[in-house]
Amino acid sequence: MHPPLIVVVLKGYPRLSETFIAQELLGLEKAGLQLSLISMRRPTDARRHPVHDEIRAPVLYLPEYLHEEPVRVAKAWWKARRLPGYKAALKAFLRDLPRDVSRNRLRRFGQACVLSAEWPEGGAWLHAHFIHTPAAVARYTALMTGTPFTCSAHAKDIWTSPDWELADKLAESRWTVTCTKTGHDHLQSLAAEPQRVHLSYHGLDLDRFGPFQGQRTLKDGSNAADPVIIASVGRAVPKKGYDILLKALAALPADIHWRFEHVGGGTETKRLKALAESLGLSERITWHGALAQEEVLALYRRADLFALACRITPDGDRDGLPNVIVEASSQRLPVVATDISGVPELLTDGQNGYLTPSENPDAFAEALIRAIRDPHRRAHFGLAAEARVRSAFDYHASIRQLKTLFETEWQTHP
């Protein structure tokens, strides 16, 4: 049986910060599945990862804001309203609107109209990456077109969405996958049929992140001419906890010599640079901005430690298992991190990494001190973390699982 064309709804494409999604899309294509990509936003990153250039699927960009393309939206609505499922989609939208009175809700319905009207030829399945706004567009589109839909849920989208909306989407989707046990348990608790929620770690393309063949140094921070390199990769946004990390760096003893290198863009960059200046750290920090994947890999290989102080923000936003921690671990780079969400599913404190509570700069500083001053122990942790990644986080396993889920549905509901 020739596989149906899967129409994949994405919040934005391509995105440097979402390599795990691009990796999955390419993996599904290599597994023989046919994809058509739908992006709710145009790209904002000036650069691309090599994986984006290997994906063959065409991309359709929906109007990010309805008022920017009024003629396109009006034509789409006129066409969509004649679809057999339009009334069911409108009924669902009108049921959702009083619980979420916002322009965003109207925008998702409008985008669904555009997608339904400009439906990719041969499209027979809908899959949403993220269970918040992309799944809203997918759900309304599925109702309008009569197309089955499925969903991949991740982190922020789970924890910042109201339970009523998650429950509705879980009930209407054929299945949902998510990438951490904490997210999996939460979604199962809301699902009428918990068995349709599956745990699927993203894993890593270990062909792109092959074993590091070089020798890691045994720096202990005692040489001012050859300081310990502490690396971090992540967007400068509140949930990444970079203010905590900077305060921890400021608390390191004067006899420890270090440099910090950060990779990533983000709205908090200016504020973090100001904080670093106020803490007297600026001369020891390099802010690289966004880098391509091969440049990030080079940083992993020349650094001595990787650090990420993720937190849960007041609105519930958080990471799942940050892919950068998996990447760093694949290169034998020891990791100091906070023990939230899915991080303990990869790293165990005192066995293959250094984990601390979130929101605690002093504890994070102590972990950094232990890692820096005992290079043999951190080297042992790096080896153990790499072994864990290569045995349990190979993305080919996730691709096989997703392909099986799709094919089982197609055979059950041809």
Protein backbone atom coordinates (compact mmCIF):
# COMPACT_ATOMS: atom_id res chain seq x y z
CA MET A 1 0.00 0.00 0.00
CA HIS A 2 1.35 3.39 -0.98
CA PRO A 3 1.48 5.59 2.15
CA PRO A 4 -0.94 8.51 2.29
CA LEU A 5 0.44 12.04 2.06
CA ILE A 6 0.81 13.45 5.59
CA VAL A 7 0.12 17.17 5.92
CA VAL A 8 2.24 18.40 8.84
CA VAL A 9 1.23 21.62 10.62
CA LEU A 10 4.15 23.49 12.21
CA LYS A 11 4.25 26.72 14.17
CA GLY A 12 7.21 27.98 12.15
CA TYR A 13 9.58 26.48 9.61
CA PRO A 14 12.51 26.32 9.40
CA ARG A 15 13.65 27.18 12.93
CA LEU A 16 17.19 26.85 14.25
CA SER A 17 15.88 26.15 17.75
CA GLU A 18 13.75 23.20 16.58
CA THR A 19 16.34 20.89 15.08
CA PHE A 20 14.58 17.91 16.66
CA ILE A 21 11.51 18.56 14.48
CA ALA A 22 13.53 18.90 11.28
CA GLN A 23 15.42 15.72 12.18
CA GLU A 24 12.12 13.88 12.63
CA LEU A 25 10.71 15.16 9.34
CA LEU A 26 13.80 14.02 7.45
CA GLY A 27 13.72 10.67 9.26
CA LEU A 28 10.09 10.09 8.24
CA GLU A 29 10.93 10.93 4.63
CA LYS A 30 13.85 8.50 4.68
CA ALA A 31 11.47 5.89 6.12
CA GLY A 32 9.35 6.22 2.98
CA LEU A 33 6.60 8.57 4.16
CA GLN A 34 5.41 11.45 1.99
CA LEU A 35 5.06 14.84 3.67
CA SER A 36 3.69 18.27 2.89
CA LEU A 37 4.62 21.01 5.40
CA ILE A 38 2.31 23.77 6.57
CA SER A 39 3.90 26.62 8.51
CA MET A 40 1.86 29.10 10.54
CA ARG A 41 4.75 31.58 10.49
CA ARG A 42 7.44 32.54 8.02
CA PRO A 43 11.04 31.93 9.07
CA THR A 44 12.75 34.59 11.18
CA ASP A 45 16.20 32.97 11.42
CA ALA A 46 18.74 34.22 8.91
CA ARG A 47 20.50 30.84 8.86
CA ARG A 48 19.48 27.23 8.30
CA HIS A 49 20.77 23.91 9.55
CA PRO A 50 22.00 21.44 6.90
CA VAL A 51 19.12 19.11 7.79
CA HIS A 52 16.62 21.69 6.48
CA ASP A 53 18.19 21.52 3.02
CA GLU A 54 17.81 17.74 2.94
CA ILE A 55 14.05 17.76 3.54
CA ARG A 56 12.24 17.47 0.21
CA ALA A 57 8.68 18.24 1.33
CA PRO A 58 7.08 21.42 -0.08
CA VAL A 59 6.12 24.18 2.35
CA LEU A 60 2.89 26.20 2.39
CA TYR A 61 2.92 29.34 4.55
CA LEU A 62 -0.39 30.31 6.09
CA PRO A 63 -1.14 33.99 6.79
CA GLU A 64 0.50 34.65 10.14
CA TYR A 65 -1.98 37.46 10.80
CA LEU A 66 -5.31 37.41 9.01
CA HIS A 67 -5.41 41.17 8.39
CA GLU A 68 -2.15 40.98 6.41
CA GLU A 69 -3.77 38.90 3.63
CA PRO A 70 -7.47 39.85 3.73
CA VAL A 71 -8.27 38.81 0.15
CA ARG A 72 -6.65 35.41 0.56
CA VAL A 73 -8.47 34.84 3.86
CA ALA A 74 -11.84 35.95 2.44
CA LYS A 75 -11.53 33.67 -0.58
CA ALA A 76 -10.52 30.79 1.64
CA TRP A 77 -13.45 31.31 4.01
CA TRP A 78 -15.89 31.44 1.06
CA LYS A 79 -14.54 28.13 -0.21
CA ALA A 80 -14.23 26.48 3.22
CA ARG A 81 -17.80 27.31 4.25
CA ARG A 82 -19.04 25.01 1.48
CA LEU A 83 -17.13 22.01 2.82
CA PRO A 84 -19.31 19.29 4.41
CA GLY A 85 -17.52 19.60 7.76
CA TYR A 86 -17.51 23.39 7.99
CA LYS A 87 -20.53 23.53 10.30
CA ALA A 88 -18.92 21.03 12.70
CA ALA A 89 -15.70 23.08 12.73
CA LEU A 90 -17.63 26.31 13.31
CA LYS A 91 -19.55 24.67 16.15
CA ALA A 92 -16.28 23.56 17.78
CA PHE A 93 -14.83 27.06 17.35
CA LEU A 94 -17.89 28.70 18.90
CA ARG A 95 -17.70 26.28 21.82
CA ASP A 96 -14.01 27.12 22.33
CA LEU A 97 -14.32 30.89 21.93
CA PRO A 98 -16.08 31.72 25.25
CA ARG A 99 -13.36 29.78 27.07
CA ASP A 100 -10.61 31.58 25.15
CA VAL A 101 -11.83 35.00 24.01
CA SER A 102 -8.82 36.14 22.00
CA ARG A 103 -7.63 37.19 18.57
CA ASN A 104 -5.43 34.13 18.64
CA ARG A 105 -8.48 31.86 18.68
CA LEU A 106 -10.00 33.67 15.69
CA ARG A 107 -6.65 33.52 13.88
CA ARG A 108 -6.47 29.73 14.26
CA PHE A 109 -9.92 29.29 12.78
CA GLY A 110 -9.02 31.61 9.91
CA GLN A 111 -5.80 29.73 9.27
CA ALA A 112 -7.75 26.48 9.25
CA CYS A 113 -10.03 27.94 6.59
CA VAL A 114 -7.01 28.85 4.47
CA LEU A 115 -5.47 25.40 4.89
CA SER A 116 -8.76 23.71 4.04
CA ALA A 117 -9.21 25.87 0.95
CA GLU A 118 -5.62 25.43 -0.22
CA TRP A 119 -5.40 21.78 0.74
CA PRO A 120 -2.28 20.06 -0.68
CA GLU A 121 -3.13 17.71 -3.52
CA GLY A 122 -3.28 14.13 -2.28
CA GLY A 123 -3.25 15.08 1.41
CA ALA A 124 -4.90 12.28 3.39
CA TRP A 125 -3.67 12.77 6.95
CA LEU A 126 -3.00 15.69 9.29
CA HIS A 127 -0.26 15.75 11.89
CA ALA A 128 0.40 18.70 14.21
CA HIS A 129 3.75 19.41 15.86
CA PHE A 130 2.80 20.98 19.21
CA ILE A 131 -0.54 20.47 20.90
CA HIS A 132 -1.33 24.18 21.40
CA THR A 133 -1.81 26.43 18.36
CA PRO A 134 -0.71 24.02 15.57
CA ALA A 135 -3.08 21.36 16.92
CA ALA A 136 -5.89 23.95 17.06
CA VAL A 137 -5.41 24.65 13.34
CA ALA A 138 -5.16 20.93 12.62
CA ARG A 139 -8.29 20.13 14.64
CA TYR A 140 -10.48 22.73 12.91
CA THR A 141 -9.06 21.70 9.53
CA ALA A 142 -9.70 18.03 10.27
CA LEU A 143 -13.33 18.79 11.03
CA MET A 144 -13.77 20.88 7.88
CA THR A 145 -12.10 18.41 5.52
CA GLY A 146 -12.95 15.12 7.21
CA THR A 147 -9.24 14.30 7.45
CA PRO A 148 -7.98 12.29 10.45
CA PHE A 149 -5.36 14.02 12.58
CA THR A 150 -2.64 13.10 15.04
CA CYS A 151 -0.35 15.16 17.20
CA SER A 152 3.15 15.45 18.68
CA ALA A 153 3.18 17.28 22.01
CA HIS A 154 6.39 18.60 23.52
CA ALA A 155 6.75 20.89 26.56
CA LYS A 156 5.51 24.49 26.62
CA ASP A 157 2.51 23.49 24.52
CA ILE A 158 1.44 20.97 27.17
CA TRP A 159 2.04 23.00 30.29
CA THR A 160 0.66 26.35 29.12
CA SER A 161 -2.52 24.91 27.60
CA PRO A 162 -5.71 24.65 29.69
CA ASP A 163 -6.81 21.14 30.59
CA TRP A 164 -10.16 21.49 28.80
CA GLU A 165 -8.41 22.20 25.50
CA LEU A 166 -5.91 19.39 25.90
CA ALA A 167 -8.73 16.98 26.72
CA ASP A 168 -10.71 18.01 23.62
CA LYS A 169 -7.72 17.54 21.31
CA LEU A 170 -6.77 14.23 22.89
CA ALA A 171 -10.33 13.01 22.39
CA GLU A 172 -10.49 14.00 18.72
CA SER A 173 -6.98 13.03 17.57
CA ARG A 174 -6.31 9.43 16.54
CA TRP A 175 -3.21 9.37 18.77
CA THR A 176 -0.75 11.71 20.44
CA VAL A 177 2.94 11.24 21.15
CA THR A 178 5.01 13.20 23.64
CA CYS A 179 8.70 13.22 24.49
CA THR A 180 8.99 13.06 28.30
CA LYS A 181 7.48 10.82 30.93
CA THR A 182 6.18 13.84 32.90
CA GLY A 183 4.32 15.11 29.84
CA HIS A 184 3.13 11.61 29.01
CA ASP A 185 1.69 11.08 32.49
CA HIS A 186 -0.07 14.46 32.44
CA LEU A 187 -1.67 13.90 29.03
CA GLN A 188 -2.75 10.38 29.95
CA SER A 189 -4.48 11.78 33.04
CA LEU A 190 -6.58 14.03 30.77
CA ALA A 191 -7.31 11.54 28.00
CA ALA A 192 -10.55 9.60 27.82
CA GLU A 193 -8.50 6.79 26.23
CA PRO A 194 -5.05 6.98 27.86
CA GLN A 195 -3.71 4.16 25.69
CA ARG A 196 -3.79 6.54 22.71
CA VAL A 197 -1.10 8.73 24.34
CA HIS A 198 2.39 7.39 23.62
CA LEU A 199 5.85 8.20 25.01
CA SER A 200 8.39 8.73 22.24
CA TYR A 201 11.77 10.29 22.97
CA HIS A 202 13.03 12.44 20.10
CA GLY A 203 16.48 10.97 20.35
CA LEU A 204 19.40 12.18 18.31
CA ASP A 205 20.63 11.56 14.79
CA LEU A 206 23.84 9.85 15.88
CA ASP A 207 25.15 9.96 12.31
CA ARG A 208 25.33 13.76 12.64
CA PHE A 209 26.61 13.54 16.21
CA GLY A 210 29.18 10.79 15.84
CA PRO A 211 31.52 9.92 18.72
CA PHE A 212 34.08 12.57 19.60
CA GLN A 213 37.45 10.99 18.78
CA GLY A 214 39.57 13.68 20.43
CA GLN A 215 40.89 13.82 23.97
CA ARG A 216 39.14 15.99 26.52
CA THR A 217 41.43 18.11 28.65
CA LEU A 218 41.63 17.68 32.40
CA LYS A 219 41.54 21.38 33.22
CA ASP A 220 40.69 22.15 36.83
CA GLY A 221 40.39 25.92 36.57
CA SER A 222 43.76 26.60 38.17
CA ASN A 223 45.47 27.99 35.05
CA ALA A 224 44.48 31.57 34.20
CA ALA A 225 46.10 31.20 30.78
CA ASP A 226 44.00 28.13 29.94
CA PRO A 227 40.60 28.55 31.62
CA VAL A 228 37.82 25.96 31.77
CA ILE A 229 35.34 26.50 28.91
CA ILE A 230 31.71 26.33 30.04
CA ALA A 231 29.28 26.14 27.11
CA SER A 232 25.53 26.57 26.90
CA VAL A 233 23.13 26.41 23.97
CA GLY A 234 19.59 27.73 24.25
CA ARG A 235 17.35 30.67 23.48
CA ALA A 236 17.65 33.63 25.82
CA VAL A 237 14.15 33.24 27.25
CA PRO A 238 13.01 33.02 30.90
CA LYS A 239 12.49 29.24 31.02
CA LYS A 240 16.15 28.59 30.19
CA GLY A 241 17.23 30.16 33.50
CA TYR A 242 20.23 32.06 32.18
CA ASP A 243 19.91 34.65 34.97
CA ILE A 244 20.39 31.78 37.46
CA LEU A 245 23.38 30.51 35.52
CA LEU A 246 25.02 33.96 35.42
CA LYS A 247 24.54 34.37 39.18
CA ALA A 248 26.08 30.94 39.71
CA LEU A 249 29.09 31.92 37.60
CA ALA A 250 29.45 35.09 39.66
CA ALA A 251 29.55 32.95 42.82
CA LEU A 252 32.50 30.82 41.65
CA PRO A 253 35.67 31.28 43.73
CA ALA A 254 38.27 33.71 42.44
CA ASP A 255 40.85 30.93 42.09
CA ILE A 256 38.74 29.14 39.46
CA HIS A 257 39.49 30.46 35.98
CA TRP A 258 36.73 30.01 33.43
CA ARG A 259 35.14 31.35 30.26
CA PHE A 260 31.47 31.05 29.33
CA GLU A 261 30.24 30.72 25.72
CA HIS A 262 26.55 31.03 24.90
CA VAL A 263 24.86 30.07 21.64
CA GLY A 264 21.33 31.20 20.79
CA GLY A 265 19.18 34.20 20.07
CA GLY A 266 16.22 35.29 22.14
CA THR A 267 14.29 38.20 23.58
CA GLU A 268 16.23 38.26 26.86
CA THR A 269 19.70 38.67 25.34
CA LYS A 270 19.99 42.40 26.04
CA ARG A 271 18.81 41.98 29.65
CA LEU A 272 21.19 39.08 30.24
CA LYS A 273 24.14 41.02 28.88
CA ALA A 274 23.25 43.87 31.25
CA LEU A 275 23.07 41.39 34.15
CA ALA A 276 26.45 39.97 33.20
CA GLU A 277 27.88 43.49 33.16
CA SER A 278 26.44 44.27 36.59
CA LEU A 279 27.94 41.04 37.97
CA GLY A 280 31.36 41.87 36.52
CA LEU A 281 31.35 38.90 34.16
CA SER A 282 31.26 40.50 30.71
CA GLU A 283 34.95 40.08 29.90
CA ARG A 284 34.70 36.33 30.52
CA ILE A 285 31.63 35.70 28.34
CA THR A 286 31.21 35.25 24.59
CA TRP A 287 27.68 35.68 23.21
CA HIS A 288 27.72 33.91 19.85
CA GLY A 289 24.09 34.38 18.88
CA ALA A 290 22.51 31.71 16.68
CA LEU A 291 24.93 29.23 15.08
CA ALA A 292 24.50 26.43 12.56
CA GLN A 293 24.53 22.86 13.80
CA GLU A 294 28.09 22.10 12.71
CA GLU A 295 29.35 25.16 14.63
CA VAL A 296 27.47 24.04 17.74
CA LEU A 297 29.02 20.59 17.41
CA ALA A 298 32.48 22.18 17.27
CA LEU A 299 31.72 24.06 20.50
CA TYR A 300 30.65 20.85 22.25
CA ARG A 301 33.97 19.30 21.29
CA ARG A 302 36.22 22.10 22.53
CA ALA A 303 34.30 22.89 25.73
CA ASP A 304 34.99 21.33 29.13
CA LEU A 305 31.46 21.57 30.60
CA PHE A 306 27.91 22.16 29.43
CA ALA A 307 25.53 24.11 31.67
CA LEU A 308 21.78 24.78 31.52
CA ALA A 309 19.72 26.03 34.47
CA CYS A 310 16.17 25.51 33.16
CA ARG A 311 13.18 26.50 35.28
CA ILE A 312 9.39 26.36 35.32
CA THR A 313 8.06 29.88 34.72
CA PRO A 314 4.99 31.29 36.54
CA ASP A 315 2.74 30.55 33.54
CA GLY A 316 3.85 26.90 33.53
CA ASP A 317 6.23 27.15 30.58
CA ARG A 318 9.16 24.74 30.75
CA ASP A 319 11.42 22.55 28.67
CA GLY A 320 10.84 18.85 28.25
CA LEU A 321 14.20 17.17 27.77
CA PRO A 322 16.27 19.88 26.07
CA ASN A 323 17.75 18.40 22.92
CA VAL A 324 20.98 20.32 23.53
CA ILE A 325 21.62 18.26 26.67
CA VAL A 326 21.31 15.09 24.58
CA GLU A 327 23.63 16.58 21.95
CA ALA A 328 26.26 17.63 24.51
CA SER A 329 26.11 14.23 26.20
CA SER A 330 26.65 12.49 22.86
CA GLN A 331 30.05 14.22 22.70
CA ARG A 332 31.18 13.08 26.18
CA LEU A 333 30.72 16.67 27.39
CA PRO A 334 29.80 16.58 31.11
CA VAL A 335 26.55 18.39 31.94
CA VAL A 336 25.49 20.54 34.88
CA ALA A 337 21.72 21.10 34.77
CA THR A 338 18.58 21.50 36.84
CA ASP A 339 16.44 18.50 37.69
CA ILE A 340 13.17 19.58 36.06
CA SER A 341 10.90 17.87 33.51
CA GLY A 342 12.61 15.20 31.43
CA VAL A 343 16.24 15.95 32.34
CA PRO A 344 16.38 13.17 35.00
CA GLU A 345 15.20 10.73 32.33
CA LEU A 346 18.66 11.07 30.77
CA LEU A 347 20.92 12.25 33.61
CA THR A 348 21.21 10.91 37.15
CA ASP A 349 22.99 13.13 39.65
CA GLY A 350 26.25 11.61 40.79
CA GLN A 351 26.21 8.91 38.11
CA ASN A 352 26.37 10.57 34.70
CA GLY A 353 25.79 14.26 35.42
CA TYR A 354 25.38 17.03 37.96
CA LEU A 355 21.76 17.95 38.74
CA THR A 356 20.56 20.69 41.08
CA PRO A 357 17.18 22.15 42.06
CA SER A 358 15.98 25.01 39.87
CA GLU A 359 16.01 28.64 41.04
CA ASN A 360 19.07 28.00 43.19
CA PRO A 361 22.23 29.81 41.99
CA ASP A 362 24.23 28.67 45.02
CA ALA A 363 23.49 25.00 44.41
CA PHE A 364 24.28 25.42 40.72
CA ALA A 365 27.58 27.13 41.60
CA GLU A 366 28.48 24.25 43.93
CA ALA A 367 27.84 21.75 41.15
CA LEU A 368 30.03 23.75 38.78
CA ILE A 369 32.80 23.85 41.40
CA ARG A 370 32.63 20.06 41.88
CA ALA A 371 32.74 19.47 38.14
CA ILE A 372 35.61 21.89 37.51
CA ARG A 373 37.83 20.82 40.40
CA ASP A 374 37.51 17.08 39.76
CA PRO A 375 38.22 16.64 36.03
CA HIS A 376 38.62 12.84 36.28
CA ARG A 377 35.16 12.45 37.83
CA ARG A 378 33.53 14.73 35.27
CA ALA A 379 35.26 12.78 32.49
CA HIS A 380 33.73 9.59 33.93
CA PHE A 381 30.29 11.27 33.96
CA GLY A 382 30.76 12.35 30.34
CA LEU A 383 31.50 8.79 29.27
CA ALA A 384 28.50 7.44 31.18
CA ALA A 385 26.16 10.06 29.71
CA GLU A 386 27.35 9.30 26.18
CA ALA A 387 26.72 5.60 26.75
CA ARG A 388 23.18 6.39 27.90
CA VAL A 389 22.51 8.53 24.82
CA ARG A 390 23.85 5.98 22.36
CA SER A 391 21.92 3.11 23.95
CA ALA A 392 18.56 4.81 24.60
CA PHE A 393 18.30 8.04 22.59
CA ASP A 394 18.98 7.03 18.99
CA TYR A 395 16.31 8.82 16.97
CA HIS A 396 15.89 5.88 14.61
CA ALA A 397 13.88 4.18 17.38
CA SER A 398 11.48 7.14 17.51
CA ILE A 399 11.12 7.15 13.72
CA ARG A 400 10.30 3.43 13.72
CA GLN A 401 7.72 4.01 16.47
CA LEU A 402 6.07 6.91 14.62
CA LYS A 403 6.00 5.01 11.33
CA THR A 404 4.36 2.05 13.09
CA LEU A 405 1.74 4.32 14.67
CA PHE A 406 0.88 5.88 11.31
CA GLU A 407 0.79 2.55 9.46
CA THR A 408 -1.34 0.89 12.13
CA GLU A 409 -3.94 3.65 11.77
CA TRP A 410 -3.92 3.46 8.00
CA GLN A 411 -4.44 -0.31 8.09
CA THR A 412 -7.19 -0.01 10.72
CA HIS A 413 -8.95 2.92 9.02
CA PRO A 414 -8.03 2.69 5.30
